Amino acid sequence: MSNTAEQFNKKGIRTSYVSTIIGISLVLFMIGLVLSGVFGLNNIQTQAKENLQGDIFFKSTLNDADIKQVEQSLKSWKEFNNIWFVSSERAVQEFGGEGSAEIKQLLEGENPLPPSLCFSPKANYANKEGMKYIKAKLLKFYRNEIDEVNYDEASVNRVNLGFKQFVILFLSVAALLIIIAVAMINNTIRMSLYAKRFTIKTMQLVGATSKHIRKPFLKQAIIQGVLSAILALGFLMSVFFALNNVIETFEISFTIEMLLLLIGSLLLLGIFITLVSTWFALNKYLRMKLDDLY
C-alpha cells in the first residue's frame, strides 16, 4: 500500500514538473513572438531608412573621371550605406523613364542633365540631423568640386515619424504582453511550490537552513528555465518554418546576430523569471507558520 502511494506521489511530482515546464515554455513562446516582432520591425525600419536617397551635383568644370574619383573617396565614409555614379545618359533615362527617347528628340540630342553621384545613408544617419550633417560635411570637404547636395526632407521626416509612432504603439502592446507573461510564469511557479509547501516546512522543522532549502529549488528553477526556453525556441522555429512554407508572399528571416540575440534573450528571461519567482515563493513559505499552510 505504501509503495502504491509512493509511486502515485512520484508520478504526481513528475506530472507537475512537466506541466510547469510546458506552461513556462508557452509563455516564453509568446515573449519570443513579441521579441521577433521587435527585431523584424527594427530590420524593416533599417531597410526603409537605408533606401532613402540623396544626390550630389558637381560644378561644370568636373568631368566623369573626376566625379568617379570623388566617388571612390566617399565610399570610405562611415555615413554612407551605398554611393554610385549616375552618368548623364542614365540621368535622362531615370528622369524620363520610357519617354527618355522623346525627351532627347525634343532637346535635339543635347543632354541638359549633368553627371552626379547618388547616395543612401546608414540607418543612424537617415534622419533630419544626420542628413544635414552629411550635407555640411560634403560641402566642407569638397567645396571646390560640389555644387549642390539634394535630398527629400519630407521623405526623411515621413520615414522617421511613421516608424516612431508605430514603434511606440507596438512596444506598448509588447510591454503589456510581457507583463502578463511574467505574471503567468510567476503564478505557475507559485502553484508548483504550493504543492511542496509541507516538504519545505518539514525540512525547516528538522533544522535545515534557509540556504540549504533554497538550493535544490533554485537549481531546479534554472533547469526549468533552460528547458522551457529550448522548448519555446522549438515552437517558434516550427511556426516560422510553417509560415514560410504556407504563405508564399511572406518570408521570415533572421540574421545570425538576431537569431543569437533571440536565443540568448529567451534563455536569460527563462532563467531569470523562474529564479526570481521561485525565490519569492520560497521566502513566502519559509516565513509562514505551520498552521497557515492548511
C-alpha atoms as a PDB file:
ATOM      1  CA  MET A   1       0.000   0.000   0.000  1.00  0.00           C
ATOM      2  CA  SER A   2       2.840   2.350   0.920  1.00  0.00           C
ATOM      3  CA  ASN A   3       4.621   1.521  -2.343  1.00  0.00           C
ATOM      4  CA  THR A   4       1.496   2.382  -4.314  1.00  0.00           C
ATOM      5  CA  ALA A   5       1.169   5.718  -2.504  1.00  0.00           C
ATOM      6  CA  GLU A   6       4.837   6.468  -3.081  1.00  0.00           C
ATOM      7  CA  GLN A   7       4.553   5.677  -6.797  1.00  0.00           C
ATOM      8  CA  PHE A   8       1.445   7.832  -7.054  1.00  0.00           C
ATOM      9  CA  ASN A   9       3.266  10.683  -5.306  1.00  0.00           C
ATOM     10  CA  LYS A  10       6.292  10.422  -7.635  1.00  0.00           C
ATOM     11  CA  LYS A  11       4.002  10.338 -10.663  1.00  0.00           C
ATOM     12  CA  GLY A  12       2.225  13.454  -9.416  1.00  0.00           C
ATOM     13  CA  ILE A  13       5.563  15.251  -8.926  1.00  0.00           C
ATOM     14  CA  ARG A  14       6.721  14.321 -12.442  1.00  0.00           C
ATOM     15  CA  THR A  15       3.399  15.440 -13.926  1.00  0.00           C
ATOM     16  CA  SER A  16       3.601  18.725 -12.028  1.00  0.00           C
ATOM     17  CA  TYR A  17       7.213  19.235 -13.198  1.00  0.00           C
ATOM     18  CA  VAL A  18       6.349  18.588 -16.857  1.00  0.00           C
ATOM     19  CA  SER A  19       3.225  20.756 -16.752  1.00  0.00           C
ATOM     20  CA  THR A  20       5.245  23.587 -15.180  1.00  0.00           C
ATOM     21  CA  ILE A  21       7.854  23.427 -17.953  1.00  0.00           C
ATOM     22  CA  ILE A  22       5.167  23.341 -20.663  1.00  0.00           C
ATOM     23  CA  GLY A  23       3.343  26.281 -19.076  1.00  0.00           C
ATOM     24  CA  ILE A  24       6.519  28.355 -18.817  1.00  0.00           C
ATOM     25  CA  SER A  25       7.583  27.431 -22.374  1.00  0.00           C
ATOM     26  CA  LEU A  26       4.229  28.598 -23.783  1.00  0.00           C
ATOM     27  CA  VAL A  27       4.622  31.928 -22.012  1.00  0.00           C
ATOM     28  CA  LEU A  28       8.222  32.243 -23.265  1.00  0.00           C
ATOM     29  CA  PHE A  29       6.913  31.390 -26.732  1.00  0.00           C
ATOM     30  CA  MET A  30       4.601  34.402 -26.515  1.00  0.00           C
ATOM     31  CA  ILE A  31       7.513  36.578 -25.363  1.00  0.00           C
ATOM     32  CA  GLY A  32       9.569  35.167 -28.251  1.00  0.00           C
ATOM     33  CA  LEU A  33       6.884  36.219 -30.734  1.00  0.00           C
ATOM     34  CA  VAL A  34       6.984  39.738 -29.289  1.00  0.00           C
ATOM     35  CA  LEU A  35      10.803  39.872 -29.449  1.00  0.00           C
ATOM     36  CA  SER A  36      10.747  38.532 -33.025  1.00  0.00           C
ATOM     37  CA  GLY A  37       8.288  41.280 -33.925  1.00  0.00           C
ATOM     38  CA  VAL A  38      10.606  43.890 -32.394  1.00  0.00           C
ATOM     39  CA  PHE A  39      13.621  42.528 -34.294  1.00  0.00           C
ATOM     40  CA  GLY A  40      11.630  42.309 -37.530  1.00  0.00           C
ATOM     41  CA  LEU A  41      10.322  45.850 -37.113  1.00  0.00           C
ATOM     42  CA  ASN A  42      13.828  47.131 -36.478  1.00  0.00           C
ATOM     43  CA  ASN A  43      15.053  45.350 -39.623  1.00  0.00           C
ATOM     44  CA  ILE A  44      12.250  46.855 -41.736  1.00  0.00           C
ATOM     45  CA  GLN A  45      12.959  50.297 -40.285  1.00  0.00           C
ATOM     46  CA  THR A  46      16.665  49.969 -41.094  1.00  0.00           C
ATOM     47  CA  GLN A  47      15.905  48.922 -44.684  1.00  0.00           C
ATOM     48  CA  ALA A  48      13.453  51.801 -45.144  1.00  0.00           C
ATOM     49  CA  LYS A  49      15.965  54.332 -43.824  1.00  0.00           C
ATOM     50  CA  GLU A  50      18.802  52.978 -45.954  1.00  0.00           C
ATOM     51  CA  ASN A  51      16.562  53.172 -49.044  1.00  0.00           C
ATOM     52  CA  LEU A  52      16.429  56.959 -48.722  1.00  0.00           C
ATOM     53  CA  GLN A  53      18.388  58.672 -51.459  1.00  0.00           C
ATOM     54  CA  GLY A  54      20.337  61.875 -51.871  1.00  0.00           C
ATOM     55  CA  ASP A  55      22.007  63.459 -54.914  1.00  0.00           C
ATOM     56  CA  ILE A  56      25.373  65.183 -55.229  1.00  0.00           C
ATOM     57  CA  PHE A  57      25.742  67.595 -58.146  1.00  0.00           C
ATOM     58  CA  PHE A  58      29.132  68.867 -59.222  1.00  0.00           C
ATOM     59  CA  LYS A  59      30.478  72.006 -60.825  1.00  0.00           C
ATOM     60  CA  SER A  60      30.531  72.044 -64.623  1.00  0.00           C
ATOM     61  CA  THR A  61      34.344  72.037 -64.665  1.00  0.00           C
ATOM     62  CA  LEU A  62      34.468  68.426 -63.454  1.00  0.00           C
ATOM     63  CA  ASN A  63      34.292  65.551 -65.921  1.00  0.00           C
ATOM     64  CA  ASP A  64      33.182  61.942 -65.365  1.00  0.00           C
ATOM     65  CA  ALA A  65      36.663  60.787 -64.342  1.00  0.00           C
ATOM     66  CA  ASP A  66      36.915  63.499 -61.666  1.00  0.00           C
ATOM     67  CA  ILE A  67      33.479  62.600 -60.278  1.00  0.00           C
ATOM     68  CA  LYS A  68      34.349  58.896 -60.178  1.00  0.00           C
ATOM     69  CA  GLN A  69      37.488  59.760 -58.242  1.00  0.00           C
ATOM     70  CA  VAL A  70      35.356  61.573 -55.662  1.00  0.00           C
ATOM     71  CA  GLU A  71      33.055  58.535 -55.608  1.00  0.00           C
ATOM     72  CA  GLN A  72      35.937  56.239 -54.646  1.00  0.00           C
ATOM     73  CA  SER A  73      36.889  58.600 -51.837  1.00  0.00           C
ATOM     74  CA  LEU A  74      33.335  58.838 -50.489  1.00  0.00           C
ATOM     75  CA  LYS A  75      32.939  55.049 -50.388  1.00  0.00           C
ATOM     76  CA  SER A  76      35.205  55.020 -47.348  1.00  0.00           C
ATOM     77  CA  TRP A  77      32.937  57.400 -45.397  1.00  0.00           C
ATOM     78  CA  LYS A  78      31.111  55.768 -42.494  1.00  0.00           C
ATOM     79  CA  GLU A  79      27.958  57.829 -43.142  1.00  0.00           C
ATOM     80  CA  PHE A  80      27.126  56.101 -46.439  1.00  0.00           C
ATOM     81  CA  ASN A  81      25.467  52.734 -46.898  1.00  0.00           C
ATOM     82  CA  ASN A  82      25.949  52.950 -50.653  1.00  0.00           C
ATOM     83  CA  ILE A  83      27.118  55.501 -53.221  1.00  0.00           C
ATOM     84  CA  TRP A  84      27.087  55.238 -57.000  1.00  0.00           C
ATOM     85  CA  PHE A  85      27.834  57.216 -60.143  1.00  0.00           C
ATOM     86  CA  VAL A  86      24.984  58.402 -62.392  1.00  0.00           C
ATOM     87  CA  SER A  87      26.021  59.371 -65.904  1.00  0.00           C
ATOM     88  CA  SER A  88      24.184  61.982 -67.966  1.00  0.00           C
ATOM     89  CA  GLU A  89      22.617  59.268 -70.117  1.00  0.00           C
ATOM     90  CA  ARG A  90      21.407  57.319 -67.089  1.00  0.00           C
ATOM     91  CA  ALA A  91      20.063  60.518 -65.533  1.00  0.00           C
ATOM     92  CA  VAL A  92      17.879  61.118 -68.609  1.00  0.00           C
ATOM     93  CA  GLN A  93      16.626  57.530 -68.532  1.00  0.00           C
ATOM     94  CA  GLU A  94      15.718  57.751 -64.839  1.00  0.00           C
ATOM     95  CA  PHE A  95      14.118  61.154 -65.285  1.00  0.00           C
ATOM     96  CA  GLY A  96      12.115  60.321 -68.413  1.00  0.00           C
ATOM     97  CA  GLY A  97      11.524  56.602 -67.928  1.00  0.00           C
ATOM     98  CA  GLU A  98      10.016  55.107 -71.090  1.00  0.00           C
ATOM     99  CA  GLY A  99       9.773  58.576 -72.620  1.00  0.00           C
ATOM    100  CA  SER A 100      13.513  59.303 -72.391  1.00  0.00           C
ATOM    101  CA  ALA A 101      13.936  58.898 -76.181  1.00  0.00           C
ATOM    102  CA  GLU A 102      11.248  61.532 -76.835  1.00  0.00           C
ATOM    103  CA  ILE A 103      12.935  63.900 -74.381  1.00  0.00           C
ATOM    104  CA  LYS A 104      16.237  63.549 -76.254  1.00  0.00           C
ATOM    105  CA  GLN A 105      14.479  64.305 -79.541  1.00  0.00           C
ATOM    106  CA  LEU A 106      12.833  67.401 -78.084  1.00  0.00           C
ATOM    107  CA  LEU A 107      16.212  68.601 -76.848  1.00  0.00           C
ATOM    108  CA  GLU A 108      17.714  67.870 -80.285  1.00  0.00           C
ATOM    109  CA  GLY A 109      20.147  65.314 -78.947  1.00  0.00           C
ATOM    110  CA  GLU A 110      21.530  67.567 -76.218  1.00  0.00           C
ATOM    111  CA  ASN A 111      21.580  66.330 -72.644  1.00  0.00           C
ATOM    112  CA  PRO A 112      20.961  69.062 -70.057  1.00  0.00           C
ATOM    113  CA  LEU A 113      21.320  66.724 -67.087  1.00  0.00           C
ATOM    114  CA  PRO A 114      24.848  66.631 -65.638  1.00  0.00           C
ATOM    115  CA  PRO A 115      26.547  63.535 -64.222  1.00  0.00           C
ATOM    116  CA  SER A 116      26.139  63.140 -60.472  1.00  0.00           C
ATOM    117  CA  LEU A 117      26.543  60.839 -57.503  1.00  0.00           C
ATOM    118  CA  CYS A 118      23.663  59.245 -55.629  1.00  0.00           C
ATOM    119  CA  PHE A 119      23.974  58.048 -52.061  1.00  0.00           C
ATOM    120  CA  SER A 120      21.950  56.188 -49.459  1.00  0.00           C
ATOM    121  CA  PRO A 121      22.829  56.893 -45.823  1.00  0.00           C
ATOM    122  CA  LYS A 122      23.450  54.462 -42.983  1.00  0.00           C
ATOM    123  CA  ALA A 123      20.321  53.985 -40.862  1.00  0.00           C
ATOM    124  CA  ASN A 124      21.661  56.018 -37.922  1.00  0.00           C
ATOM    125  CA  TYR A 125      22.241  58.991 -40.265  1.00  0.00           C
ATOM    126  CA  ALA A 126      18.865  58.678 -42.030  1.00  0.00           C
ATOM    127  CA  ASN A 127      17.199  61.426 -40.026  1.00  0.00           C
ATOM    128  CA  LYS A 128      16.877  65.195 -40.173  1.00  0.00           C
ATOM    129  CA  GLU A 129      20.042  65.912 -38.196  1.00  0.00           C
ATOM    130  CA  GLY A 130      22.069  63.143 -39.858  1.00  0.00           C
ATOM    131  CA  MET A 131      21.255  64.249 -43.420  1.00  0.00           C
ATOM    132  CA  LYS A 132      22.101  67.848 -42.552  1.00  0.00           C
ATOM    133  CA  TYR A 133      25.407  66.645 -41.135  1.00  0.00           C
ATOM    134  CA  ILE A 134      26.181  64.665 -44.310  1.00  0.00           C
ATOM    135  CA  LYS A 135      25.360  67.672 -46.495  1.00  0.00           C
ATOM    136  CA  ALA A 136      27.510  70.019 -44.408  1.00  0.00           C
ATOM    137  CA  LYS A 137      30.429  67.575 -44.392  1.00  0.00           C
ATOM    138  CA  LEU A 138      30.296  67.086 -48.165  1.00  0.00           C
ATOM    139  CA  LEU A 139      30.244  70.818 -48.840  1.00  0.00           C
ATOM    140  CA  LYS A 140      33.100  71.327 -46.385  1.00  0.00           C
ATOM    141  CA  PHE A 141      35.446  68.678 -47.791  1.00  0.00           C
ATOM    142  CA  TYR A 142      34.567  69.228 -51.475  1.00  0.00           C
ATOM    143  CA  ARG A 143      33.619  72.894 -51.618  1.00  0.00           C
ATOM    144  CA  ASN A 144      35.578  73.360 -54.879  1.00  0.00           C
ATOM    145  CA  GLU A 145      34.031  70.315 -56.550  1.00  0.00           C
ATOM    146  CA  ILE A 146      30.450  70.045 -55.299  1.00  0.00           C
ATOM    147  CA  ASP A 147      27.832  72.498 -56.486  1.00  0.00           C
ATOM    148  CA  GLU A 148      24.795  71.201 -54.580  1.00  0.00           C
ATOM    149  CA  VAL A 149      23.589  68.359 -52.328  1.00  0.00           C
ATOM    150  CA  ASN A 150      19.893  67.497 -52.530  1.00  0.00           C
ATOM    151  CA  TYR A 151      17.624  65.102 -50.655  1.00  0.00           C
ATOM    152  CA  ASP A 152      13.900  64.902 -49.977  1.00  0.00           C
ATOM    153  CA  GLU A 153      13.396  66.253 -46.443  1.00  0.00           C
ATOM    154  CA  ALA A 154       9.738  65.224 -46.460  1.00  0.00           C
ATOM    155  CA  SER A 155      10.649  61.576 -47.141  1.00  0.00           C
ATOM    156  CA  VAL A 156      13.244  61.624 -44.354  1.00  0.00           C
ATOM    157  CA  ASN A 157      10.735  63.039 -41.861  1.00  0.00           C
ATOM    158  CA  ARG A 158       7.977  60.699 -43.039  1.00  0.00           C
ATOM    159  CA  VAL A 159      10.085  57.550 -42.607  1.00  0.00           C
ATOM    160  CA  ASN A 160      11.258  58.518 -39.124  1.00  0.00           C
ATOM    161  CA  LEU A 161       7.913  59.831 -37.843  1.00  0.00           C
ATOM    162  CA  GLY A 162       5.893  56.944 -39.269  1.00  0.00           C
ATOM    163  CA  PHE A 163       8.112  54.291 -37.714  1.00  0.00           C
ATOM    164  CA  LYS A 164       8.387  56.202 -34.434  1.00  0.00           C
ATOM    165  CA  GLN A 165       4.605  56.196 -33.991  1.00  0.00           C
ATOM    166  CA  PHE A 166       4.343  52.525 -34.959  1.00  0.00           C
ATOM    167  CA  VAL A 167       7.215  51.552 -32.641  1.00  0.00           C
ATOM    168  CA  ILE A 168       5.604  53.338 -29.668  1.00  0.00           C
ATOM    169  CA  LEU A 169       2.308  51.525 -30.286  1.00  0.00           C
ATOM    170  CA  PHE A 170       3.975  48.152 -30.820  1.00  0.00           C
ATOM    171  CA  LEU A 171       6.244  48.460 -27.759  1.00  0.00           C
ATOM    172  CA  SER A 172       3.278  49.481 -25.592  1.00  0.00           C
ATOM    173  CA  VAL A 173       1.388  46.339 -26.602  1.00  0.00           C
ATOM    174  CA  ALA A 174       4.578  44.265 -26.260  1.00  0.00           C
ATOM    175  CA  ALA A 175       5.249  45.603 -22.749  1.00  0.00           C
ATOM    176  CA  LEU A 176       1.686  44.739 -21.697  1.00  0.00           C
ATOM    177  CA  LEU A 177       2.001  41.216 -23.088  1.00  0.00           C
ATOM    178  CA  ILE A 178       5.360  40.673 -21.373  1.00  0.00           C
ATOM    179  CA  ILE A 179       3.959  41.868 -18.027  1.00  0.00           C
ATOM    180  CA  ILE A 180       1.068  39.413 -18.397  1.00  0.00           C
ATOM    181  CA  ALA A 181       3.504  36.668 -19.424  1.00  0.00           C
ATOM    182  CA  VAL A 182       5.764  37.279 -16.411  1.00  0.00           C
ATOM    183  CA  ALA A 183       2.721  37.228 -14.110  1.00  0.00           C
ATOM    184  CA  MET A 184       1.638  33.899 -15.629  1.00  0.00           C
ATOM    185  CA  ILE A 185       5.102  32.369 -15.119  1.00  0.00           C
ATOM    186  CA  ASN A 186       5.161  33.663 -11.543  1.00  0.00           C
ATOM    187  CA  ASN A 187       1.736  32.126 -10.887  1.00  0.00           C
ATOM    188  CA  THR A 188       2.826  28.796 -12.422  1.00  0.00           C
ATOM    189  CA  ILE A 189       5.904  28.662 -10.158  1.00  0.00           C
ATOM    190  CA  ARG A 190       3.861  29.573  -7.072  1.00  0.00           C
ATOM    191  CA  MET A 191       1.322  26.828  -7.831  1.00  0.00           C
ATOM    192  CA  SER A 192       4.153  24.337  -8.285  1.00  0.00           C
ATOM    193  CA  LEU A 193       5.716  25.265  -4.933  1.00  0.00           C
ATOM    194  CA  TYR A 194       2.333  25.320  -3.234  1.00  0.00           C
ATOM    195  CA  ALA A 195       2.139  21.567  -3.741  1.00  0.00           C
ATOM    196  CA  LYS A 196       5.509  21.232  -1.959  1.00  0.00           C
ATOM    197  CA  ARG A 197       4.819  23.606   0.915  1.00  0.00           C
ATOM    198  CA  PHE A 198       4.686  20.830   3.518  1.00  0.00           C
ATOM    199  CA  THR A 199       8.000  19.420   2.264  1.00  0.00           C
ATOM    200  CA  ILE A 200       9.566  22.864   2.620  1.00  0.00           C
ATOM    201  CA  LYS A 201       8.189  23.309   6.144  1.00  0.00           C
ATOM    202  CA  THR A 202       9.272  19.773   7.150  1.00  0.00           C
ATOM    203  CA  MET A 203      12.847  20.495   6.033  1.00  0.00           C
ATOM    204  CA  GLN A 204      12.756  23.687   8.053  1.00  0.00           C
ATOM    205  CA  LEU A 205      11.405  21.927  11.176  1.00  0.00           C
ATOM    206  CA  VAL A 206      14.149  19.288  11.136  1.00  0.00           C
ATOM    207  CA  GLY A 207      16.791  22.007  11.242  1.00  0.00           C
ATOM    208  CA  ALA A 208      17.656  22.718   7.590  1.00  0.00           C
ATOM    209  CA  THR A 209      18.809  26.282   6.976  1.00  0.00           C
ATOM    210  CA  SER A 210      17.030  28.559   4.509  1.00  0.00           C
ATOM    211  CA  LYS A 211      20.088  28.421   2.230  1.00  0.00           C
ATOM    212  CA  HIS A 212      20.056  24.606   2.250  1.00  0.00           C
ATOM    213  CA  ILE A 213      16.332  24.535   1.491  1.00  0.00           C
ATOM    214  CA  ARG A 214      16.562  27.044  -1.330  1.00  0.00           C
ATOM    215  CA  LYS A 215      19.495  25.366  -3.099  1.00  0.00           C
ATOM    216  CA  PRO A 216      17.664  22.400  -4.738  1.00  0.00           C
ATOM    217  CA  PHE A 217      14.641  24.518  -5.633  1.00  0.00           C
ATOM    218  CA  LEU A 218      16.759  27.267  -7.236  1.00  0.00           C
ATOM    219  CA  LYS A 219      18.767  24.654  -9.120  1.00  0.00           C
ATOM    220  CA  GLN A 220      15.518  23.137 -10.357  1.00  0.00           C
ATOM    221  CA  ALA A 221      14.302  26.614 -11.362  1.00  0.00           C
ATOM    222  CA  ILE A 222      17.403  27.123 -13.543  1.00  0.00           C
ATOM    223  CA  ILE A 223      16.853  23.759 -15.237  1.00  0.00           C
ATOM    224  CA  GLN A 224      13.170  24.589 -15.765  1.00  0.00           C
ATOM    225  CA  GLY A 225      14.086  27.962 -17.268  1.00  0.00           C
ATOM    226  CA  VAL A 226      16.595  26.417 -19.699  1.00  0.00           C
ATOM    227  CA  LEU A 227      14.299  23.557 -20.764  1.00  0.00           C
ATOM    228  CA  SER A 228      11.333  25.925 -21.161  1.00  0.00           C
ATOM    229  CA  ALA A 229      13.390  28.335 -23.283  1.00  0.00           C
ATOM    230  CA  ILE A 230      14.598  25.486 -25.534  1.00  0.00           C
ATOM    231  CA  LEU A 231      11.023  24.215 -25.928  1.00  0.00           C
ATOM    232  CA  ALA A 232       9.777  27.760 -26.661  1.00  0.00           C
ATOM    233  CA  LEU A 233      12.503  28.205 -29.308  1.00  0.00           C
ATOM    234  CA  GLY A 234      11.422  24.919 -30.878  1.00  0.00           C
ATOM    235  CA  PHE A 235       7.815  26.188 -31.051  1.00  0.00           C
ATOM    236  CA  LEU A 236       8.989  29.496 -32.570  1.00  0.00           C
ATOM    237  CA  MET A 237      11.157  27.886 -35.254  1.00  0.00           C
ATOM    238  CA  SER A 238       8.314  25.498 -36.140  1.00  0.00           C
ATOM    239  CA  VAL A 239       5.861  28.397 -36.527  1.00  0.00           C
ATOM    240  CA  PHE A 240       8.317  30.432 -38.630  1.00  0.00           C
ATOM    241  CA  PHE A 241       9.106  27.412 -40.831  1.00  0.00           C
ATOM    242  CA  ALA A 242       5.402  26.700 -41.329  1.00  0.00           C
ATOM    243  CA  LEU A 243       4.628  30.331 -42.226  1.00  0.00           C
ATOM    244  CA  ASN A 244       7.499  30.471 -44.737  1.00  0.00           C
ATOM    245  CA  ASN A 245       6.230  27.318 -46.461  1.00  0.00           C
ATOM    246  CA  VAL A 246       2.489  28.012 -46.333  1.00  0.00           C
ATOM    247  CA  ILE A 247       2.454  31.708 -47.275  1.00  0.00           C
ATOM    248  CA  GLU A 248       4.490  32.232 -50.452  1.00  0.00           C
ATOM    249  CA  THR A 249       4.419  36.041 -50.314  1.00  0.00           C
ATOM    250  CA  PHE A 250       5.548  36.081 -46.692  1.00  0.00           C
ATOM    251  CA  GLU A 251       9.084  35.284 -45.584  1.00  0.00           C
ATOM    252  CA  ILE A 252      10.571  35.409 -42.093  1.00  0.00           C
ATOM    253  CA  SER A 253      14.337  35.603 -41.976  1.00  0.00           C
ATOM    254  CA  PHE A 254      16.849  36.306 -39.239  1.00  0.00           C
ATOM    255  CA  THR A 255      20.470  37.329 -39.367  1.00  0.00           C
ATOM    256  CA  ILE A 256      22.892  35.292 -37.251  1.00  0.00           C
ATOM    257  CA  GLU A 257      23.127  38.197 -34.795  1.00  0.00           C
ATOM    258  CA  MET A 258      19.341  38.462 -34.454  1.00  0.00           C
ATOM    259  CA  LEU A 259      18.956  34.696 -34.019  1.00  0.00           C
ATOM    260  CA  LEU A 260      21.655  34.558 -31.334  1.00  0.00           C
ATOM    261  CA  LEU A 261      20.086  37.565 -29.604  1.00  0.00           C
ATOM    262  CA  LEU A 262      16.664  35.867 -29.647  1.00  0.00           C
ATOM    263  CA  ILE A 263      18.082  32.612 -28.253  1.00  0.00           C
ATOM    264  CA  GLY A 264      20.095  34.434 -25.578  1.00  0.00           C
ATOM    265  CA  SER A 265      17.143  36.638 -24.602  1.00  0.00           C
ATOM    266  CA  LEU A 266      14.773  33.691 -24.132  1.00  0.00           C
ATOM    267  CA  LEU A 267      17.355  31.690 -22.171  1.00  0.00           C
ATOM    268  CA  LEU A 268      18.160  34.616 -19.875  1.00  0.00           C
ATOM    269  CA  LEU A 269      14.491  35.529 -19.435  1.00  0.00           C
ATOM    270  CA  GLY A 270      13.538  31.925 -18.721  1.00  0.00           C
ATOM    271  CA  ILE A 271      16.264  31.525 -16.082  1.00  0.00           C
ATOM    272  CA  PHE A 272      15.791  34.990 -14.562  1.00  0.00           C
ATOM    273  CA  ILE A 273      11.994  34.847 -14.245  1.00  0.00           C
ATOM    274  CA  THR A 274      11.917  31.287 -12.846  1.00  0.00           C
ATOM    275  CA  LEU A 275      14.708  32.102 -10.366  1.00  0.00           C
ATOM    276  CA  VAL A 276      13.072  35.305  -9.121  1.00  0.00           C
ATOM    277  CA  SER A 277       9.603  33.723  -8.893  1.00  0.00           C
ATOM    278  CA  THR A 278      10.991  30.666  -7.068  1.00  0.00           C
ATOM    279  CA  TRP A 279      12.970  32.856  -4.658  1.00  0.00           C
ATOM    280  CA  PHE A 280       9.979  34.957  -3.602  1.00  0.00           C
ATOM    281  CA  ALA A 281       7.616  31.965  -3.417  1.00  0.00           C
ATOM    282  CA  LEU A 282      10.120  30.069  -1.241  1.00  0.00           C
ATOM    283  CA  ASN A 283      10.537  33.037   1.081  1.00  0.00           C
ATOM    284  CA  LYS A 284       6.765  33.168   1.495  1.00  0.00           C
ATOM    285  CA  TYR A 285       6.530  29.530   2.604  1.00  0.00           C
ATOM    286  CA  LEU A 286       9.668  29.765   4.753  1.00  0.00           C
ATOM    287  CA  ARG A 287       8.104  32.636   6.709  1.00  0.00           C
ATOM    288  CA  MET A 288       4.684  31.013   7.089  1.00  0.00           C
ATOM    289  CA  LYS A 289       3.682  29.218  10.253  1.00  0.00           C
ATOM    290  CA  LEU A 290       2.728  25.560  10.074  1.00  0.00           C
ATOM    291  CA  ASP A 291      -0.967  26.241  10.813  1.00  0.00           C
ATOM    292  CA  ASP A 292      -1.133  28.737   7.920  1.00  0.00           C
ATOM    293  CA  LEU A 293      -0.158  26.053   5.388  1.00  0.00           C
ATOM    294  CA  TYR A 294      -3.531  24.330   5.627  1.00  0.00           C
END
